[in-house]
Amino acid sequence: MKTPSRLNITVREFQVLDNPTVQHIFYEGLMEMIHDTAFRGLRHHPESLLLYAAVTGLFIVTKCWWVIVFLPAVVVCLRYFYSRRVIHGFLRRAMSTDMGDIEGFYMKSPGSCLWVAVVEGKVVGIVAAVSQQEKMGGAVVLQRMAVDQRYRRNGVGSALGQKVVEFAATHGYSSVVLGTTAYTPAVHQLYKRLGFQCVGITNGYATPGSKQSFLERIFYRVHHHHYILKV
């Protein structure tokens, strides 16, 4: 589907009738993270590469060449398997908390909200804000941002992010914070264009919903980037 270079984007508060589309966009965005963490993320973790190289070296010493050929495929499959398992665990956790009751979690509290981006009457993106502290002057957490893949690079993400910044300013919060495990450069470029600064990176981040088993810690390792924007 082709989209025009300039879109008429409207960002409004979530309505109950939006729920099926919002859930679909959220789900599709999470499923993209499986490929992102399993394959694109591999080159960002030298300790994992060293472990795989050591195992490969062991097999070379043992002269089991068929295993050497087979090993890369096994590593890739295990990274995909554990990435998929963790992301689905994260999805279940989200559905048991905020995303399973958007109206109750986001729309009935003065310190939180979920918005949708609309283009020609169609919901094409979502973003949420949650107060990190009950008292005014605290921080607002930007979360659950996702954009329909067909409408990306058209300003939808920027419009959604700006809405959260405006929300924080209007309600007297001092900053907007967010965390992401995405390796896609476009994600980080978006946050920086909005004015966010990366203030830290957690290596080996324990994704909510993960089981943190031994094999999971080996084959699913992500960097969690911490961003902040002073309002």
Protein backbone atom coordinates (compact mmCIF):
# COMPACT_ATOMS: atom_id res chain seq x y z
CA MET A 1 0.00 0.00 0.00
CA LYS A 2 1.45 3.35 -1.05
CA THR A 3 0.94 6.36 1.16
CA PRO A 4 1.37 10.03 0.27
CA SER A 5 4.54 11.79 1.39
CA ARG A 6 2.50 14.25 3.48
CA LEU A 7 -0.28 12.89 5.67
CA ASN A 8 -3.01 14.72 7.50
CA ILE A 9 -2.39 13.22 10.93
CA THR A 10 -4.76 13.69 13.84
CA VAL A 11 -3.77 12.54 17.33
CA ARG A 12 -6.69 12.04 19.72
CA GLU A 13 -7.49 10.15 22.88
CA PHE A 14 -8.33 6.46 22.73
CA GLN A 15 -11.96 5.47 22.31
CA VAL A 16 -13.43 2.05 23.06
CA LEU A 17 -14.20 1.39 19.40
CA ASP A 18 -10.48 1.78 18.63
CA ASN A 19 -9.56 -1.25 20.71
CA PRO A 20 -9.36 -3.96 17.97
CA THR A 21 -7.12 -1.82 15.78
CA VAL A 22 -5.01 -0.66 18.72
CA GLN A 23 -4.46 -4.26 19.82
CA HIS A 24 -3.49 -5.26 16.29
CA ILE A 25 -0.95 -2.45 15.93
CA PHE A 26 0.50 -3.25 19.35
CA TYR A 27 0.76 -6.97 18.52
CA GLU A 28 2.38 -6.41 15.12
CA GLY A 29 4.90 -4.02 16.63
CA LEU A 30 5.93 -6.59 19.22
CA MET A 31 6.24 -9.36 16.66
CA GLU A 32 8.73 -7.24 14.73
CA MET A 33 10.88 -7.17 17.85
CA ILE A 34 11.49 -10.92 17.53
CA HIS A 35 13.48 -10.51 14.33
CA ASP A 36 15.09 -7.33 15.65
CA THR A 37 16.47 -8.91 18.82
CA ALA A 38 17.26 -12.33 17.34
CA PHE A 39 19.23 -11.22 14.29
CA ARG A 40 19.99 -7.49 14.24
CA GLY A 41 20.88 -7.53 17.92
CA LEU A 42 23.49 -10.29 17.57
CA ARG A 43 26.30 -8.01 16.38
CA HIS A 44 25.74 -5.66 19.32
CA HIS A 45 26.76 -8.28 21.89
CA PRO A 46 30.46 -9.21 21.53
CA GLU A 47 30.35 -11.44 24.60
CA SER A 48 27.75 -13.62 22.85
CA LEU A 49 29.83 -13.72 19.67
CA LEU A 50 32.89 -14.75 21.70
CA LEU A 51 30.91 -17.56 23.32
CA TYR A 52 29.74 -18.84 19.95
CA ALA A 53 33.30 -18.58 18.60
CA ALA A 54 34.65 -20.57 21.56
CA VAL A 55 32.11 -23.32 21.00
CA THR A 56 32.96 -23.36 17.30
CA GLY A 57 36.66 -23.62 18.16
CA LEU A 58 35.93 -26.60 20.38
CA PHE A 59 34.20 -28.37 17.53
CA ILE A 60 37.09 -27.55 15.19
CA VAL A 61 39.48 -29.23 17.62
CA THR A 62 37.28 -32.31 17.73
CA LYS A 63 37.23 -32.39 13.91
CA CYS A 64 33.45 -32.76 13.75
CA TRP A 65 33.08 -30.73 10.57
CA TRP A 66 29.44 -31.58 10.06
CA VAL A 67 28.74 -30.02 13.46
CA ILE A 68 30.68 -26.89 12.49
CA VAL A 69 28.48 -26.45 9.44
CA PHE A 70 25.35 -27.14 11.46
CA LEU A 71 26.25 -24.92 14.45
CA PRO A 72 25.48 -21.48 12.91
CA ALA A 73 21.98 -22.65 11.98
CA VAL A 74 21.46 -23.97 15.52
CA VAL A 75 22.60 -20.66 17.04
CA VAL A 76 20.28 -18.64 14.80
CA CYS A 77 17.34 -20.94 15.56
CA LEU A 78 17.95 -20.75 19.32
CA ARG A 79 18.20 -16.96 19.22
CA TYR A 80 14.91 -16.84 17.33
CA PHE A 81 13.25 -19.34 19.66
CA TYR A 82 14.20 -17.50 22.85
CA SER A 83 13.49 -14.08 21.38
CA ARG A 84 10.04 -15.28 20.38
CA ARG A 85 9.43 -16.81 23.81
CA VAL A 86 10.45 -13.65 25.67
CA ILE A 87 8.44 -11.32 23.41
CA HIS A 88 5.34 -13.50 23.77
CA GLY A 89 5.88 -13.49 27.54
CA PHE A 90 6.06 -9.70 27.41
CA LEU A 91 2.83 -9.65 25.39
CA ARG A 92 1.03 -11.83 27.93
CA ARG A 93 2.22 -9.58 30.73
CA ALA A 94 1.04 -6.46 28.91
CA MET A 95 -2.36 -7.99 28.20
CA SER A 96 -2.76 -8.93 31.86
CA THR A 97 -2.07 -5.35 32.94
CA ASP A 98 -2.53 -2.14 30.95
CA MET A 99 -3.22 -3.35 27.41
CA GLY A 100 -5.91 -5.74 28.59
CA ASP A 101 -7.90 -2.85 30.06
CA ILE A 102 -6.91 0.32 28.21
CA GLU A 103 -10.00 2.24 29.30
CA GLY A 104 -9.51 1.44 32.98
CA PHE A 105 -5.73 1.73 33.10
CA TYR A 106 -5.08 4.77 30.93
CA MET A 107 -8.28 6.77 30.51
CA LYS A 108 -9.55 6.99 34.08
CA SER A 109 -6.45 8.43 35.72
CA PRO A 110 -5.34 12.07 35.44
CA GLY A 111 -1.72 10.95 35.28
CA SER A 112 -2.06 8.67 32.28
CA CYS A 113 -3.54 8.54 28.80
CA LEU A 114 -3.38 6.57 25.56
CA TRP A 115 -3.65 8.31 22.21
CA VAL A 116 -4.14 7.11 18.67
CA ALA A 117 -2.90 8.65 15.44
CA VAL A 118 -5.61 8.81 12.78
CA VAL A 119 -5.15 9.23 9.03
CA GLU A 120 -8.26 9.53 6.86
CA GLY A 121 -10.37 8.00 9.62
CA LYS A 122 -8.05 5.04 10.14
CA VAL A 123 -6.09 4.41 13.35
CA VAL A 124 -2.46 3.99 12.28
CA GLY A 125 -0.45 4.44 15.49
CA ILE A 126 -0.60 4.42 19.28
CA VAL A 127 1.31 5.84 22.24
CA ALA A 128 0.69 6.00 25.99
CA ALA A 129 1.85 8.11 28.93
CA VAL A 130 1.95 7.08 32.58
CA SER A 131 2.91 9.25 35.52
CA GLN A 132 6.00 7.88 37.25
CA GLN A 133 5.23 9.82 40.42
CA GLU A 134 1.91 10.83 41.90
CA LYS A 135 3.08 14.29 42.87
CA MET A 136 3.39 17.02 40.27
CA GLY A 137 6.87 17.81 39.04
CA GLY A 138 7.73 14.14 38.55
CA ALA A 139 8.26 12.30 35.28
CA VAL A 140 5.95 10.90 32.64
CA VAL A 141 6.83 7.57 31.03
CA LEU A 142 6.31 7.32 27.28
CA GLN A 143 5.41 3.74 26.41
CA ARG A 144 3.55 1.43 24.01
CA MET A 145 4.50 3.50 20.96
CA ALA A 146 3.78 1.61 17.75
CA VAL A 147 2.99 2.68 14.20
CA ASP A 148 1.36 0.68 11.42
CA GLN A 149 4.24 -0.37 9.16
CA ARG A 150 2.48 1.03 6.08
CA TYR A 151 2.42 4.54 7.55
CA ARG A 152 5.94 4.85 8.89
CA ARG A 153 8.35 7.60 7.83
CA ASN A 154 5.42 9.94 7.36
CA GLY A 155 5.57 11.82 10.66
CA VAL A 156 3.17 9.59 12.61
CA GLY A 157 5.71 8.65 15.28
CA SER A 158 6.77 12.28 15.69
CA ALA A 159 3.17 13.41 16.12
CA LEU A 160 2.56 10.74 18.77
CA GLY A 161 5.75 11.54 20.66
CA GLN A 162 5.00 15.24 20.60
CA LYS A 163 1.58 14.58 22.11
CA VAL A 164 3.20 12.94 25.15
CA VAL A 165 5.60 15.87 25.54
CA GLU A 166 2.65 18.29 25.40
CA PHE A 167 0.80 16.19 27.97
CA ALA A 168 3.77 16.36 30.33
CA ALA A 169 4.11 20.13 29.93
CA THR A 170 0.39 20.76 30.38
CA HIS A 171 0.25 18.71 33.59
CA GLY A 172 3.35 20.27 35.11
CA TYR A 173 5.75 17.33 34.88
CA SER A 174 9.45 18.04 34.71
CA SER A 175 10.49 15.37 32.21
CA VAL A 176 9.46 12.57 29.89
CA VAL A 177 11.36 9.28 30.12
CA LEU A 178 11.30 6.11 28.07
CA GLY A 179 13.17 2.87 27.60
CA THR A 180 13.63 0.80 24.48
CA THR A 181 15.37 -2.44 23.51
CA ALA A 182 14.99 -1.73 19.78
CA TYR A 183 18.10 -2.03 17.62
CA THR A 184 16.49 -0.42 14.57
CA PRO A 185 18.31 2.91 13.98
CA ALA A 186 15.09 4.68 12.94
CA VAL A 187 13.64 4.21 16.44
CA HIS A 188 16.55 5.98 18.12
CA GLN A 189 16.62 8.69 15.44
CA LEU A 190 12.95 9.43 16.14
CA TYR A 191 13.51 9.91 19.87
CA LYS A 192 16.52 12.15 19.25
CA ARG A 193 14.54 14.30 16.79
CA LEU A 194 11.92 14.76 19.49
CA GLY A 195 14.62 16.07 21.81
CA PHE A 196 15.32 13.00 23.94
CA GLN A 197 18.83 12.25 25.16
CA CYS A 198 20.16 8.77 25.89
CA VAL A 199 21.34 8.80 29.51
CA GLY A 200 22.30 5.16 29.95
CA ILE A 201 22.33 1.64 28.51
CA THR A 202 21.63 -1.54 30.46
CA ASN A 203 23.31 -4.61 28.96
CA GLY A 204 21.55 -7.89 29.62
CA TYR A 205 18.25 -6.20 30.45
CA ALA A 206 15.65 -8.50 32.02
CA THR A 207 12.61 -7.99 29.81
CA PRO A 208 9.32 -8.13 31.76
CA GLY A 209 7.76 -11.54 31.15
CA SER A 210 11.07 -13.34 30.62
CA LYS A 211 11.92 -16.42 32.64
CA GLN A 212 15.65 -15.64 32.92
CA SER A 213 16.65 -19.28 32.48
CA PHE A 214 20.30 -20.13 31.77
CA LEU A 215 19.78 -20.68 28.05
CA GLU A 216 17.55 -17.65 27.80
CA ARG A 217 20.26 -15.45 29.27
CA ILE A 218 22.71 -16.78 26.67
CA PHE A 219 20.56 -16.58 23.57
CA TYR A 220 18.40 -13.59 24.47
CA ARG A 221 20.50 -10.58 25.46
CA VAL A 222 19.37 -7.05 24.76
CA HIS A 223 20.53 -3.51 25.41
CA HIS A 224 17.96 -1.34 27.15
CA HIS A 225 18.44 2.33 26.21
CA HIS A 226 17.24 4.93 28.72
CA TYR A 227 16.08 8.26 27.27
CA ILE A 228 14.98 11.48 28.95
CA LEU A 229 13.59 14.79 27.76
CA LYS A 230 13.44 17.78 30.10
CA VAL A 231 10.12 19.61 29.68
